Amino acid sequence: MTTSGRESTQWTIHSERTVDDTRKAKLSIAHVELPNGVEFEQYVLRIPQSAMTVLLDDAGEHVLMMWRHRWILDRWVWELPGGYVDDSEDPAVTAAREVEEETGWRPRGALRQLFTFQPMVGMADAPNLVFIGKGAEYVGEPTDINEAQHVEWLALDQVPERIANGEIVGAGSLVGLLAAMAER
């Protein structure tokens, strides 16, 4: 059932004003109205698209992960390599570049995009593109020394336990790994 061509639960955005705008995030406040007429302001975060990679070994039994400290959470966690997509760069190129820069491993062959997801749809527009690849060549130490304490090929069979133990908590890593396990 629609009302004037709109779904009955669609919110109306009356205005949106920028609070801060940087290369990695734009924060604004939107004046919105609910279908029942209640109006309020809500923060909105817009983040450029990022690309991450589930890189499996040749046998498809291990996944390349980074052990890193996330200062906002003040926790050490395992994550997939990834980063922001440059305006002029194909997301698959970004995904492969980030793997090499952050881990020292170069994906062998083309990466395939699994999907795009939004991790916080209630308050943020942050498209995350998840890629998958199989096989890699070690090319040397990571060139980005700020990303990982260490890099390791983790057994894909151990991923559910690591998730349950709170070692893998990032949305991109979680959904990418779960999708890769579902494809097996």
Protein backbone atom coordinates (compact mmCIF):
# COMPACT_ATOMS: atom_id res chain seq x y z
CA MET A 1 0.00 0.00 0.00
CA THR A 2 1.45 3.39 -0.96
CA THR A 3 0.54 6.96 -0.14
CA SER A 4 1.13 9.44 -2.97
CA GLY A 5 3.63 7.06 -4.58
CA ARG A 6 5.56 6.63 -1.31
CA GLU A 7 5.64 3.68 1.04
CA SER A 8 3.63 4.35 4.20
CA THR A 9 6.69 3.96 6.49
CA GLN A 10 9.10 6.13 4.47
CA TRP A 11 10.66 8.98 6.41
CA THR A 12 10.76 12.51 4.94
CA ILE A 13 14.08 14.34 4.93
CA HIS A 14 13.38 18.08 5.18
CA SER A 15 17.01 19.22 5.27
CA GLU A 16 20.55 18.09 5.99
CA ARG A 17 23.38 20.35 7.13
CA THR A 18 27.05 19.44 7.21
CA VAL A 19 28.79 19.50 10.58
CA ASP A 20 32.21 18.26 9.39
CA ASP A 21 33.54 17.07 6.04
CA THR A 22 36.88 15.31 5.65
CA ARG A 23 38.37 12.93 3.10
CA LYS A 24 37.29 9.91 5.14
CA ALA A 25 33.95 11.01 6.57
CA LYS A 26 31.16 13.56 6.30
CA LEU A 27 29.08 14.18 9.40
CA SER A 28 25.77 15.97 9.06
CA ILE A 29 22.53 16.55 10.93
CA ALA A 30 19.32 15.74 9.10
CA HIS A 31 15.91 17.18 9.96
CA VAL A 32 13.55 14.24 9.40
CA GLU A 33 9.87 13.51 9.77
CA LEU A 34 8.33 10.15 10.60
CA PRO A 35 5.16 9.01 8.81
CA ASN A 36 3.15 9.83 11.97
CA GLY A 37 4.28 13.48 11.78
CA VAL A 38 6.92 13.41 14.54
CA GLU A 39 9.95 15.52 13.52
CA PHE A 40 13.47 15.38 14.94
CA GLU A 41 17.13 15.77 14.05
CA GLN A 42 19.44 12.82 13.55
CA TYR A 43 23.17 12.57 12.95
CA VAL A 44 24.15 11.08 9.58
CA LEU A 45 27.61 9.72 8.78
CA ARG A 46 28.68 9.30 5.15
CA ILE A 47 31.88 7.34 4.55
CA PRO A 48 33.51 6.66 1.16
CA GLN A 49 33.25 3.12 -0.15
CA SER A 50 35.86 0.65 1.02
CA ALA A 51 37.00 -2.67 -0.37
CA MET A 52 38.18 -5.70 1.56
CA THR A 53 39.33 -9.14 0.51
CA VAL A 54 38.78 -12.68 1.68
CA LEU A 55 41.99 -14.18 0.28
CA LEU A 56 42.12 -17.97 0.50
CA ASP A 57 45.15 -20.18 0.02
CA ASP A 58 45.33 -22.46 -3.02
CA ALA A 59 43.53 -25.27 -1.19
CA GLY A 60 40.81 -22.91 0.05
CA GLU A 61 41.44 -24.00 3.65
CA HIS A 62 43.15 -20.91 5.08
CA VAL A 63 42.33 -17.21 4.92
CA LEU A 64 44.83 -14.33 5.08
CA MET A 65 44.15 -12.21 8.17
CA MET A 66 45.80 -9.37 10.06
CA TRP A 67 46.14 -9.15 13.86
CA ARG A 68 45.73 -5.49 14.73
CA HIS A 69 44.81 -3.12 17.51
CA ARG A 70 41.64 -1.09 17.05
CA TRP A 71 42.11 1.92 19.30
CA ILE A 72 38.45 2.99 19.36
CA LEU A 73 37.52 -0.38 20.87
CA ASP A 74 40.92 -0.74 22.60
CA ARG A 75 41.02 -4.36 21.45
CA TRP A 76 43.23 -6.65 19.42
CA VAL A 77 41.29 -8.36 16.62
CA TRP A 78 41.71 -10.34 13.42
CA GLU A 79 40.65 -8.52 10.26
CA LEU A 80 40.62 -8.94 6.52
CA PRO A 81 42.87 -6.55 4.59
CA GLY A 82 41.10 -3.60 3.01
CA GLY A 83 40.81 0.14 2.70
CA TYR A 84 39.13 3.11 1.08
CA VAL A 85 38.55 3.09 -2.68
CA ASP A 86 40.25 6.05 -4.37
CA ASP A 87 37.97 8.12 -6.62
CA SER A 88 39.85 7.13 -9.77
CA GLU A 89 40.47 3.49 -8.83
CA ASP A 90 38.48 0.37 -9.69
CA PRO A 91 37.37 -1.26 -6.41
CA ALA A 92 38.89 -4.63 -7.41
CA VAL A 93 42.24 -2.88 -7.92
CA THR A 94 41.86 -1.26 -4.50
CA ALA A 95 41.12 -4.63 -2.91
CA ALA A 96 44.24 -6.25 -4.44
CA ARG A 97 46.44 -3.24 -3.66
CA GLU A 98 45.34 -3.17 -0.03
CA VAL A 99 46.08 -6.89 0.39
CA GLU A 100 49.63 -6.39 -0.86
CA GLU A 101 50.32 -3.16 1.05
CA GLU A 102 48.96 -4.47 4.34
CA THR A 103 50.13 -8.09 4.26
CA GLY A 104 53.03 -8.49 1.82
CA TRP A 105 51.03 -11.06 -0.18
CA ARG A 106 49.88 -10.41 -3.77
CA PRO A 107 46.66 -12.11 -4.86
CA ARG A 108 47.21 -14.51 -7.72
CA GLY A 109 44.57 -13.96 -10.35
CA ALA A 110 41.53 -11.74 -10.44
CA LEU A 111 39.45 -11.01 -7.37
CA ARG A 112 35.71 -11.58 -7.60
CA GLN A 113 33.26 -9.26 -5.87
CA LEU A 114 31.00 -11.19 -3.51
CA PHE A 115 28.67 -8.32 -2.57
CA THR A 116 28.35 -4.81 -1.21
CA PHE A 117 26.87 -4.23 2.24
CA GLN A 118 26.08 -1.33 4.55
CA PRO A 119 27.17 -1.97 8.18
CA MET A 120 25.08 0.72 9.95
CA VAL A 121 22.02 1.53 7.82
CA GLY A 122 20.20 3.39 10.59
CA MET A 123 22.72 6.22 10.78
CA ALA A 124 25.49 5.78 8.22
CA ASP A 125 26.04 5.44 4.49
CA ALA A 126 29.25 3.39 4.32
CA PRO A 127 29.35 1.02 1.34
CA ASN A 128 31.67 -1.94 1.93
CA LEU A 129 32.63 -4.03 -1.10
CA VAL A 130 33.78 -7.55 -0.27
CA PHE A 131 35.99 -9.46 -2.73
CA ILE A 132 37.24 -13.03 -2.71
CA GLY A 133 40.32 -14.58 -4.29
CA LYS A 134 42.25 -17.80 -4.19
CA GLY A 135 46.01 -18.13 -4.15
CA ALA A 136 48.72 -15.61 -3.40
CA GLU A 137 52.40 -14.94 -3.86
CA TYR A 138 54.55 -13.59 -1.02
CA VAL A 139 56.30 -10.44 -2.28
CA GLY A 140 57.94 -9.22 0.93
CA GLU A 141 57.21 -7.33 4.10
CA PRO A 142 54.07 -5.17 4.12
CA THR A 143 54.72 -1.65 2.87
CA ASP A 144 52.09 -0.20 5.19
CA ILE A 145 53.66 -0.72 8.60
CA ASN A 146 50.75 0.90 10.47
CA GLU A 147 48.13 -1.77 9.79
CA ALA A 148 49.00 -5.11 11.38
CA GLN A 149 51.04 -6.43 14.29
CA HIS A 150 51.34 -9.63 12.31
CA VAL A 151 49.81 -11.38 9.32
CA GLU A 152 48.77 -15.01 9.34
CA TRP A 153 46.97 -17.62 7.26
CA LEU A 154 44.22 -18.78 9.62
CA ALA A 155 42.38 -22.06 9.19
CA LEU A 156 38.93 -21.28 7.80
CA ASP A 157 37.54 -24.07 10.00
CA GLN A 158 38.66 -22.10 13.10
CA VAL A 159 36.85 -18.90 12.08
CA PRO A 160 33.54 -19.71 13.87
CA GLU A 161 35.42 -20.28 17.14
CA ARG A 162 37.40 -17.04 16.71
CA ILE A 163 34.14 -15.16 16.08
CA ALA A 164 32.57 -16.72 19.19
CA ASN A 165 35.65 -15.76 21.24
CA GLY A 166 35.41 -12.13 20.10
CA GLU A 167 38.64 -12.24 18.07
CA ILE A 168 36.83 -11.27 14.85
CA VAL A 169 34.35 -8.43 15.41
CA GLY A 170 34.49 -6.07 12.41
CA ALA A 171 31.40 -6.15 10.20
CA GLY A 172 33.36 -6.49 6.96
CA SER A 173 35.48 -9.33 8.26
CA LEU A 174 32.46 -11.11 9.73
CA VAL A 175 30.25 -11.00 6.66
CA GLY A 176 33.12 -11.70 4.26
CA LEU A 177 34.27 -14.75 6.19
CA LEU A 178 30.76 -16.09 6.70
CA ALA A 179 30.06 -15.72 2.95
CA ALA A 180 33.31 -17.51 2.07
CA MET A 181 32.46 -20.37 4.43
CA ALA A 182 28.96 -20.61 2.95
CA GLU A 183 30.46 -20.94 -0.58
CA ARG A 184 32.59 -23.94 0.45
